[in-house]
Amino acid sequence: MMRTMLESILLFLVPFGVYALWITLARRFGFDSPTFSQVATYLAAVGLILVALSFITLGIFAERHQDAYVPAHMENGQLIEGQFK
């Protein structure tokens, strides 16, 4: 779960990183670049689209278990971990 959240956050931040790189290169080579406030909405929208696409891709290609899940339980005084059977 943590990995999925971290991947989503990183995917959301990718457009902002690309834009920061563009601003850096534009200043270095003298190009005229728009201000951040003009493109922040577009960057957030692209980031959200990337996150949505990652969720869709995860839903399509995620590993599916055909077995039933047996939760963790006590058996003869020992804890048996949850597993698919």
PDB file of N, CA and C in Angstrom:
ATOM      1  N   MET A   1       0.823  -1.185   0.000  1.00  0.00           N
ATOM      2  CA  MET A   1       0.000   0.000   0.000  1.00  0.00           C
ATOM      3  C   MET A   1       0.870   1.253   0.000  1.00  0.00           C
ATOM      4  N   MET A   2       1.910   1.234   0.812  1.00  0.00           N
ATOM      5  CA  MET A   2       2.801   2.393   0.883  1.00  0.00           C
ATOM      6  C   MET A   2       3.490   2.613  -0.456  1.00  0.00           C
ATOM      7  N   ARG A   3       3.902   1.521  -1.106  1.00  0.00           N
ATOM      8  CA  ARG A   3       4.572   1.628  -2.395  1.00  0.00           C
ATOM      9  C   ARG A   3       3.638   2.248  -3.424  1.00  0.00           C
ATOM     10  N   THR A   4       2.372   1.845  -3.424  1.00  0.00           N
ATOM     11  CA  THR A   4       1.405   2.387  -4.364  1.00  0.00           C
ATOM     12  C   THR A   4       1.207   3.880  -4.130  1.00  0.00           C
ATOM     13  N   MET A   5       1.117   4.287  -2.875  1.00  0.00           N
ATOM     14  CA  MET A   5       0.948   5.707  -2.576  1.00  0.00           C
ATOM     15  C   MET A   5       2.184   6.506  -2.985  1.00  0.00           C
ATOM     16  N   LEU A   6       3.360   5.971  -2.706  1.00  0.00           N
ATOM     17  CA  LEU A   6       4.591   6.660  -3.067  1.00  0.00           C
ATOM     18  C   LEU A   6       4.717   6.794  -4.584  1.00  0.00           C
ATOM     19  N   GLU A   7       4.381   5.729  -5.309  1.00  0.00           N
ATOM     20  CA  GLU A   7       4.419   5.801  -6.767  1.00  0.00           C
ATOM     21  C   GLU A   7       3.437   6.842  -7.285  1.00  0.00           C
ATOM     22  N   SER A   8       2.260   6.910  -6.694  1.00  0.00           N
ATOM     23  CA  SER A   8       1.261   7.888  -7.118  1.00  0.00           C
ATOM     24  C   SER A   8       1.738   9.314  -6.878  1.00  0.00           C
ATOM     25  N   ILE A   9       2.335   9.539  -5.737  1.00  0.00           N
ATOM     26  CA  ILE A   9       2.836  10.879  -5.420  1.00  0.00           C
ATOM     27  C   ILE A   9       3.956  11.265  -6.389  1.00  0.00           C
ATOM     28  N   LEU A  10       4.858  10.333  -6.658  1.00  0.00           N
ATOM     29  CA  LEU A  10       5.951  10.616  -7.590  1.00  0.00           C
ATOM     30  C   LEU A  10       5.430  10.874  -8.995  1.00  0.00           C
ATOM     31  N   LEU A  11       4.440  10.087  -9.435  1.00  0.00           N
ATOM     32  CA  LEU A  11       3.856  10.328 -10.757  1.00  0.00           C
ATOM     33  C   LEU A  11       3.186  11.692 -10.821  1.00  0.00           C
ATOM     34  N   PHE A  12       2.548  12.099  -9.720  1.00  0.00           N
ATOM     35  CA  PHE A  12       1.918  13.413  -9.692  1.00  0.00           C
ATOM     36  C   PHE A  12       2.963  14.528  -9.799  1.00  0.00           C
ATOM     37  N   LEU A  13       4.140  14.314  -9.221  1.00  0.00           N
ATOM     38  CA  LEU A  13       5.176  15.348  -9.202  1.00  0.00           C
ATOM     39  C   LEU A  13       6.032  15.388 -10.467  1.00  0.00           C
ATOM     40  N   VAL A  14       5.939  14.372 -11.322  1.00  0.00           N
ATOM     41  CA  VAL A  14       6.753  14.327 -12.549  1.00  0.00           C
ATOM     42  C   VAL A  14       6.550  15.559 -13.431  1.00  0.00           C
ATOM     43  N   PRO A  15       5.307  15.983 -13.735  1.00  0.00           N
ATOM     44  CA  PRO A  15       5.153  17.174 -14.582  1.00  0.00           C
ATOM     45  C   PRO A  15       5.781  18.431 -13.974  1.00  0.00           C
ATOM     46  N   PHE A  16       5.721  18.551 -12.656  1.00  0.00           N
ATOM     47  CA  PHE A  16       6.324  19.707 -12.006  1.00  0.00           C
ATOM     48  C   PHE A  16       7.849  19.681 -12.147  1.00  0.00           C
ATOM     49  N   GLY A  17       8.439  18.495 -12.042  1.00  0.00           N
ATOM     50  CA  GLY A  17       9.882  18.363 -12.237  1.00  0.00           C
ATOM     51  C   GLY A  17      10.295  18.679 -13.659  1.00  0.00           C
ATOM     52  N   VAL A  18       9.514  18.210 -14.616  1.00  0.00           N
ATOM     53  CA  VAL A  18       9.807  18.511 -16.029  1.00  0.00           C
ATOM     54  C   VAL A  18       9.694  20.005 -16.273  1.00  0.00           C
ATOM     55  N   TYR A  19       8.682  20.628 -15.691  1.00  0.00           N
ATOM     56  CA  TYR A  19       8.526  22.075 -15.854  1.00  0.00           C
ATOM     57  C   TYR A  19       9.685  22.832 -15.203  1.00  0.00           C
ATOM     58  N   ALA A  20      10.123  22.388 -14.034  1.00  0.00           N
ATOM     59  CA  ALA A  20      11.265  23.034 -13.386  1.00  0.00           C
ATOM     60  C   ALA A  20      12.514  22.914 -14.252  1.00  0.00           C
ATOM     61  N   LEU A  21      12.694  21.771 -14.877  1.00  0.00           N
ATOM     62  CA  LEU A  21      13.818  21.592 -15.803  1.00  0.00           C
ATOM     63  C   LEU A  21      13.682  22.540 -16.985  1.00  0.00           C
ATOM     64  N   TRP A  22      12.473  22.669 -17.509  1.00  0.00           N
ATOM     65  CA  TRP A  22      12.237  23.579 -18.630  1.00  0.00           C
ATOM     66  C   TRP A  22      12.554  25.028 -18.239  1.00  0.00           C
ATOM     67  N   ILE A  23      12.109  25.451 -17.057  1.00  0.00           N
ATOM     68  CA  ILE A  23      12.386  26.816 -16.578  1.00  0.00           C
ATOM     69  C   ILE A  23      13.892  27.035 -16.461  1.00  0.00           C
ATOM     70  N   THR A  24      14.602  26.053 -15.912  1.00  0.00           N
ATOM     71  CA  THR A  24      16.051  26.167 -15.755  1.00  0.00           C
ATOM     72  C   THR A  24      16.738  26.315 -17.104  1.00  0.00           C
ATOM     73  N   LEU A  25      16.348  25.480 -18.050  1.00  0.00           N
ATOM     74  CA  LEU A  25      16.949  25.570 -19.386  1.00  0.00           C
ATOM     75  C   LEU A  25      16.563  26.864 -20.092  1.00  0.00           C
ATOM     76  N   ALA A  26      15.321  27.298 -19.900  1.00  0.00           N
ATOM     77  CA  ALA A  26      14.873  28.532 -20.539  1.00  0.00           C
ATOM     78  C   ALA A  26      15.651  29.738 -20.020  1.00  0.00           C
ATOM     79  N   ARG A  27      15.887  29.785 -18.744  1.00  0.00           N
ATOM     80  CA  ARG A  27      16.660  30.896 -18.174  1.00  0.00           C
ATOM     81  C   ARG A  27      18.114  30.845 -18.627  1.00  0.00           C
ATOM     82  N   ARG A  28      18.642  29.636 -18.718  1.00  0.00           N
ATOM     83  CA  ARG A  28      20.038  29.482 -19.105  1.00  0.00           C
ATOM     84  C   ARG A  28      20.282  29.923 -20.544  1.00  0.00           C
ATOM     85  N   PHE A  29      19.337  29.579 -21.435  1.00  0.00           N
ATOM     86  CA  PHE A  29      19.517  29.897 -22.850  1.00  0.00           C
ATOM     87  C   PHE A  29      18.725  31.111 -23.307  1.00  0.00           C
ATOM     88  N   GLY A  30      18.075  31.813 -22.396  1.00  0.00           N
ATOM     89  CA  GLY A  30      17.438  33.080 -22.707  1.00  0.00           C
ATOM     90  C   GLY A  30      16.068  32.980 -23.341  1.00  0.00           C
ATOM     91  N   PHE A  31      15.395  31.849 -23.229  1.00  0.00           N
ATOM     92  CA  PHE A  31      14.036  31.732 -23.766  1.00  0.00           C
ATOM     93  C   PHE A  31      13.065  32.435 -22.838  1.00  0.00           C
ATOM     94  N   ASP A  32      11.965  32.886 -23.397  1.00  0.00           N
ATOM     95  CA  ASP A  32      10.912  33.482 -22.588  1.00  0.00           C
ATOM     96  C   ASP A  32      10.000  32.371 -22.106  1.00  0.00           C
ATOM     97  N   SER A  33       9.850  32.245 -20.810  1.00  0.00           N
ATOM     98  CA  SER A  33       9.001  31.185 -20.271  1.00  0.00           C
ATOM     99  C   SER A  33       7.847  31.791 -19.476  1.00  0.00           C
ATOM    100  N   PRO A  34       6.684  31.143 -19.512  1.00  0.00           N
ATOM    101  CA  PRO A  34       5.551  31.650 -18.739  1.00  0.00           C
ATOM    102  C   PRO A  34       5.801  31.480 -17.244  1.00  0.00           C
ATOM    103  N   THR A  35       5.082  32.252 -16.452  1.00  0.00           N
ATOM    104  CA  THR A  35       5.251  32.147 -15.005  1.00  0.00           C
ATOM    105  C   THR A  35       4.595  30.874 -14.495  1.00  0.00           C
ATOM    106  N   PHE A  36       5.015  30.455 -13.329  1.00  0.00           N
ATOM    107  CA  PHE A  36       4.520  29.205 -12.760  1.00  0.00           C
ATOM    108  C   PHE A  36       3.017  29.254 -12.523  1.00  0.00           C
ATOM    109  N   SER A  37       2.494  30.393 -12.102  1.00  0.00           N
ATOM    110  CA  SER A  37       1.066  30.483 -11.790  1.00  0.00           C
ATOM    111  C   SER A  37       0.197  30.252 -13.022  1.00  0.00           C
ATOM    112  N   GLN A  38       0.729  30.538 -14.205  1.00  0.00           N
ATOM    113  CA  GLN A  38      -0.052  30.328 -15.429  1.00  0.00           C
ATOM    114  C   GLN A  38      -0.175  28.863 -15.790  1.00  0.00           C
ATOM    115  N   VAL A  39       0.790  28.050 -15.424  1.00  0.00           N
ATOM    116  CA  VAL A  39       0.777  26.651 -15.843  1.00  0.00           C
ATOM    117  C   VAL A  39       0.552  25.664 -14.698  1.00  0.00           C
ATOM    118  N   ALA A  40       0.420  26.138 -13.489  1.00  0.00           N
ATOM    119  CA  ALA A  40       0.261  25.237 -12.343  1.00  0.00           C
ATOM    120  C   ALA A  40      -0.983  24.374 -12.476  1.00  0.00           C
ATOM    121  N   THR A  41      -2.064  24.934 -12.970  1.00  0.00           N
ATOM    122  CA  THR A  41      -3.294  24.161 -13.141  1.00  0.00           C
ATOM    123  C   THR A  41      -3.091  23.048 -14.150  1.00  0.00           C
ATOM    124  N   TYR A  42      -2.419  23.345 -15.254  1.00  0.00           N
ATOM    125  CA  TYR A  42      -2.162  22.326 -16.265  1.00  0.00           C
ATOM    126  C   TYR A  42      -1.231  21.236 -15.734  1.00  0.00           C
ATOM    127  N   LEU A  43      -0.230  21.629 -14.973  1.00  0.00           N
ATOM    128  CA  LEU A  43       0.692  20.650 -14.394  1.00  0.00           C
ATOM    129  C   LEU A  43      -0.032  19.722 -13.420  1.00  0.00           C
ATOM    130  N   ALA A  44      -0.899  20.291 -12.601  1.00  0.00           N
ATOM    131  CA  ALA A  44      -1.666  19.467 -11.667  1.00  0.00           C
ATOM    132  C   ALA A  44      -2.599  18.523 -12.418  1.00  0.00           C
ATOM    133  N   ALA A  45      -3.225  19.010 -13.480  1.00  0.00           N
ATOM    134  CA  ALA A  45      -4.122  18.167 -14.276  1.00  0.00           C
ATOM    135  C   ALA A  45      -3.358  17.017 -14.924  1.00  0.00           C
ATOM    136  N   VAL A  46      -2.193  17.303 -15.493  1.00  0.00           N
ATOM    137  CA  VAL A  46      -1.381  16.250 -16.115  1.00  0.00           C
ATOM    138  C   VAL A  46      -0.925  15.252 -15.059  1.00  0.00           C
ATOM    139  N   GLY A  47      -0.541  15.737 -13.889  1.00  0.00           N
ATOM    140  CA  GLY A  47      -0.144  14.846 -12.805  1.00  0.00           C
ATOM    141  C   GLY A  47      -1.283  13.935 -12.374  1.00  0.00           C
ATOM    142  N   LEU A  48      -2.487  14.485 -12.249  1.00  0.00           N
ATOM    143  CA  LEU A  48      -3.636  13.666 -11.878  1.00  0.00           C
ATOM    144  C   LEU A  48      -3.972  12.644 -12.959  1.00  0.00           C
ATOM    145  N   ILE A  49      -3.816  13.018 -14.218  1.00  0.00           N
ATOM    146  CA  ILE A  49      -4.042  12.076 -15.320  1.00  0.00           C
ATOM    147  C   ILE A  49      -3.030  10.941 -15.252  1.00  0.00           C
ATOM    148  N   LEU A  50      -1.768  11.262 -14.970  1.00  0.00           N
ATOM    149  CA  LEU A  50      -0.753  10.207 -14.835  1.00  0.00           C
ATOM    150  C   LEU A  50      -1.080   9.255 -13.685  1.00  0.00           C
ATOM    151  N   VAL A  51      -1.541   9.798 -12.577  1.00  0.00           N
ATOM    152  CA  VAL A  51      -1.908   8.957 -11.442  1.00  0.00           C
ATOM    153  C   VAL A  51      -3.094   8.067 -11.801  1.00  0.00           C
ATOM    154  N   ALA A  52      -4.102   8.638 -12.456  1.00  0.00           N
ATOM    155  CA  ALA A  52      -5.265   7.842 -12.864  1.00  0.00           C
ATOM    156  C   ALA A  52      -4.851   6.735 -13.825  1.00  0.00           C
ATOM    157  N   LEU A  53      -3.977   7.045 -14.770  1.00  0.00           N
ATOM    158  CA  LEU A  53      -3.502   6.021 -15.704  1.00  0.00           C
ATOM    159  C   LEU A  53      -2.717   4.928 -14.981  1.00  0.00           C
ATOM    160  N   SER A  54      -1.955   5.312 -13.965  1.00  0.00           N
ATOM    161  CA  SER A  54      -1.217   4.282 -13.215  1.00  0.00           C
ATOM    162  C   SER A  54      -2.176   3.371 -12.466  1.00  0.00           C
ATOM    163  N   PHE A  55      -3.269   3.917 -11.903  1.00  0.00           N
ATOM    164  CA  PHE A  55      -4.260   3.083 -11.221  1.00  0.00           C
ATOM    165  C   PHE A  55      -4.958   2.144 -12.199  1.00  0.00           C
ATOM    166  N   ILE A  56      -5.288   2.653 -13.382  1.00  0.00           N
ATOM    167  CA  ILE A  56      -5.924   1.820 -14.403  1.00  0.00           C
ATOM    168  C   ILE A  56      -4.980   0.707 -14.834  1.00  0.00           C
ATOM    169  N   THR A  57      -3.716   1.053 -15.070  1.00  0.00           N
ATOM    170  CA  THR A  57      -2.727   0.052 -15.467  1.00  0.00           C
ATOM    171  C   THR A  57      -2.548  -0.987 -14.370  1.00  0.00           C
ATOM    172  N   LEU A  58      -2.497  -0.555 -13.127  1.00  0.00           N
ATOM    173  CA  LEU A  58      -2.369  -1.480 -12.002  1.00  0.00           C
ATOM    174  C   LEU A  58      -3.583  -2.405 -11.937  1.00  0.00           C
ATOM    175  N   GLY A  59      -4.758  -1.862 -12.163  1.00  0.00           N
ATOM    176  CA  GLY A  59      -5.964  -2.677 -12.133  1.00  0.00           C
ATOM    177  C   GLY A  59      -6.006  -3.703 -13.248  1.00  0.00           C
ATOM    178  N   ILE A  60      -5.460  -3.365 -14.394  1.00  0.00           N
ATOM    179  CA  ILE A  60      -5.475  -4.288 -15.530  1.00  0.00           C
ATOM    180  C   ILE A  60      -4.412  -5.370 -15.382  1.00  0.00           C
ATOM    181  N   PHE A  61      -3.212  -5.000 -14.995  1.00  0.00           N
ATOM    182  CA  PHE A  61      -2.087  -5.926 -15.015  1.00  0.00           C
ATOM    183  C   PHE A  61      -1.687  -6.499 -13.661  1.00  0.00           C
ATOM    184  N   ALA A  62      -2.410  -6.176 -12.589  1.00  0.00           N
ATOM    185  CA  ALA A  62      -2.056  -6.681 -11.263  1.00  0.00           C
ATOM    186  C   ALA A  62      -2.264  -8.193 -11.191  1.00  0.00           C
ATOM    187  N   GLU A  63      -1.455  -8.828 -10.355  1.00  0.00           N
ATOM    188  CA  GLU A  63      -1.552 -10.268 -10.162  1.00  0.00           C
ATOM    189  C   GLU A  63      -2.886 -10.620  -9.505  1.00  0.00           C
ATOM    190  N   ARG A  64      -3.565 -11.600 -10.072  1.00  0.00           N
ATOM    191  CA  ARG A  64      -4.845 -12.047  -9.526  1.00  0.00           C
ATOM    192  C   ARG A  64      -4.667 -13.423  -8.888  1.00  0.00           C
ATOM    193  N   HIS A  65      -5.232 -13.594  -7.714  1.00  0.00           N
ATOM    194  CA  HIS A  65      -5.201 -14.890  -7.045  1.00  0.00           C
ATOM    195  C   HIS A  65      -6.544 -15.572  -7.278  1.00  0.00           C
ATOM    196  N   GLN A  66      -6.507 -16.790  -7.744  1.00  0.00           N
ATOM    197  CA  GLN A  66      -7.729 -17.559  -7.980  1.00  0.00           C
ATOM    198  C   GLN A  66      -8.138 -18.340  -6.735  1.00  0.00           C
ATOM    199  N   ASP A  67      -7.250 -18.434  -5.768  1.00  0.00           N
ATOM    200  CA  ASP A  67      -7.520 -19.193  -4.555  1.00  0.00           C
ATOM    201  C   ASP A  67      -8.253 -18.323  -3.544  1.00  0.00           C
ATOM    202  N   ALA A  68      -8.755 -18.976  -2.511  1.00  0.00           N
ATOM    203  CA  ALA A  68      -9.419 -18.266  -1.423  1.00  0.00           C
ATOM    204  C   ALA A  68      -8.380 -17.876  -0.372  1.00  0.00           C
ATOM    205  N   TYR A  69      -8.575 -16.715   0.236  1.00  0.00           N
ATOM    206  CA  TYR A  69      -7.666 -16.258   1.285  1.00  0.00           C
ATOM    207  C   TYR A  69      -8.102 -16.828   2.626  1.00  0.00           C
ATOM    208  N   VAL A  70      -7.165 -17.423   3.330  1.00  0.00           N
ATOM    209  CA  VAL A  70      -7.405 -17.937   4.678  1.00  0.00           C
ATOM    210  C   VAL A  70      -6.662 -17.000   5.629  1.00  0.00           C
ATOM    211  N   PRO A  71      -7.395 -16.258   6.471  1.00  0.00           N
ATOM    212  CA  PRO A  71      -6.730 -15.299   7.358  1.00  0.00           C
ATOM    213  C   PRO A  71      -5.884 -15.998   8.425  1.00  0.00           C
ATOM    214  N   ALA A  72      -5.028 -15.219   9.046  1.00  0.00           N
ATOM    215  CA  ALA A  72      -4.181 -15.752  10.122  1.00  0.00           C
ATOM    216  C   ALA A  72      -5.062 -16.294  11.241  1.00  0.00           C
ATOM    217  N   HIS A  73      -4.615 -17.409  11.810  1.00  0.00           N
ATOM    218  CA  HIS A  73      -5.404 -18.033  12.868  1.00  0.00           C
ATOM    219  C   HIS A  73      -4.492 -18.853  13.779  1.00  0.00           C
ATOM    220  N   MET A  74      -5.034 -19.208  14.921  1.00  0.00           N
ATOM    221  CA  MET A  74      -4.304 -20.024  15.892  1.00  0.00           C
ATOM    222  C   MET A  74      -4.657 -21.489  15.656  1.00  0.00           C
ATOM    223  N   GLU A  75      -3.630 -22.320  15.616  1.00  0.00           N
ATOM    224  CA  GLU A  75      -3.834 -23.762  15.444  1.00  0.00           C
ATOM    225  C   GLU A  75      -2.853 -24.490  16.360  1.00  0.00           C
ATOM    226  N   ASN A  76      -3.385 -25.254  17.307  1.00  0.00           N
ATOM    227  CA  ASN A  76      -2.573 -25.972  18.281  1.00  0.00           C
ATOM    228  C   ASN A  76      -1.620 -25.048  19.036  1.00  0.00           C
ATOM    229  N   GLY A  77      -2.071 -23.849  19.358  1.00  0.00           N
ATOM    230  CA  GLY A  77      -1.269 -22.902  20.112  1.00  0.00           C
ATOM    231  C   GLY A  77      -0.228 -22.161  19.291  1.00  0.00           C
ATOM    232  N   GLN A  78      -0.218 -22.357  17.965  1.00  0.00           N
ATOM    233  CA  GLN A  78       0.733 -21.652  17.102  1.00  0.00           C
ATOM    234  C   GLN A  78      -0.024 -20.756  16.143  1.00  0.00           C
ATOM    235  N   LEU A  79       0.578 -19.611  15.869  1.00  0.00           N
ATOM    236  CA  LEU A  79      -0.026 -18.673  14.932  1.00  0.00           C
ATOM    237  C   LEU A  79       0.306 -19.104  13.513  1.00  0.00           C
ATOM    238  N   ILE A  80      -0.697 -19.335  12.709  1.00  0.00           N
ATOM    239  CA  ILE A  80      -0.530 -19.693  11.299  1.00  0.00           C
ATOM    240  C   ILE A  80      -0.804 -18.419  10.488  1.00  0.00           C
ATOM    241  N   GLU A  81       0.157 -18.023   9.680  1.00  0.00           N
ATOM    242  CA  GLU A  81       0.021 -16.805   8.890  1.00  0.00           C
ATOM    243  C   GLU A  81      -1.087 -16.948   7.855  1.00  0.00           C
ATOM    244  N   GLY A  82      -1.658 -15.809   7.470  1.00  0.00           N
ATOM    245  CA  GLY A  82      -2.657 -15.817   6.416  1.00  0.00           C
ATOM    246  C   GLY A  82      -2.026 -16.235   5.096  1.00  0.00           C
ATOM    247  N   GLN A  83      -2.813 -16.919   4.274  1.00  0.00           N
ATOM    248  CA  GLN A  83      -2.290 -17.420   3.014  1.00  0.00           C
ATOM    249  C   GLN A  83      -3.423 -17.704   2.042  1.00  0.00           C
ATOM    250  N   PHE A  84      -3.068 -17.885   0.797  1.00  0.00           N
ATOM    251  CA  PHE A  84      -4.030 -18.276  -0.218  1.00  0.00           C
ATOM    252  C   PHE A  84      -4.021 -19.785  -0.355  1.00  0.00           C
ATOM    253  N   LYS A  85      -5.186 -20.412  -0.345  1.00  0.00           N
ATOM    254  CA  LYS A  85      -5.294 -21.856  -0.528  1.00  0.00           C
ATOM    255  C   LYS A  85      -6.292 -22.147  -1.625  1.00  0.00           C
TER     256      LYS A  85
END
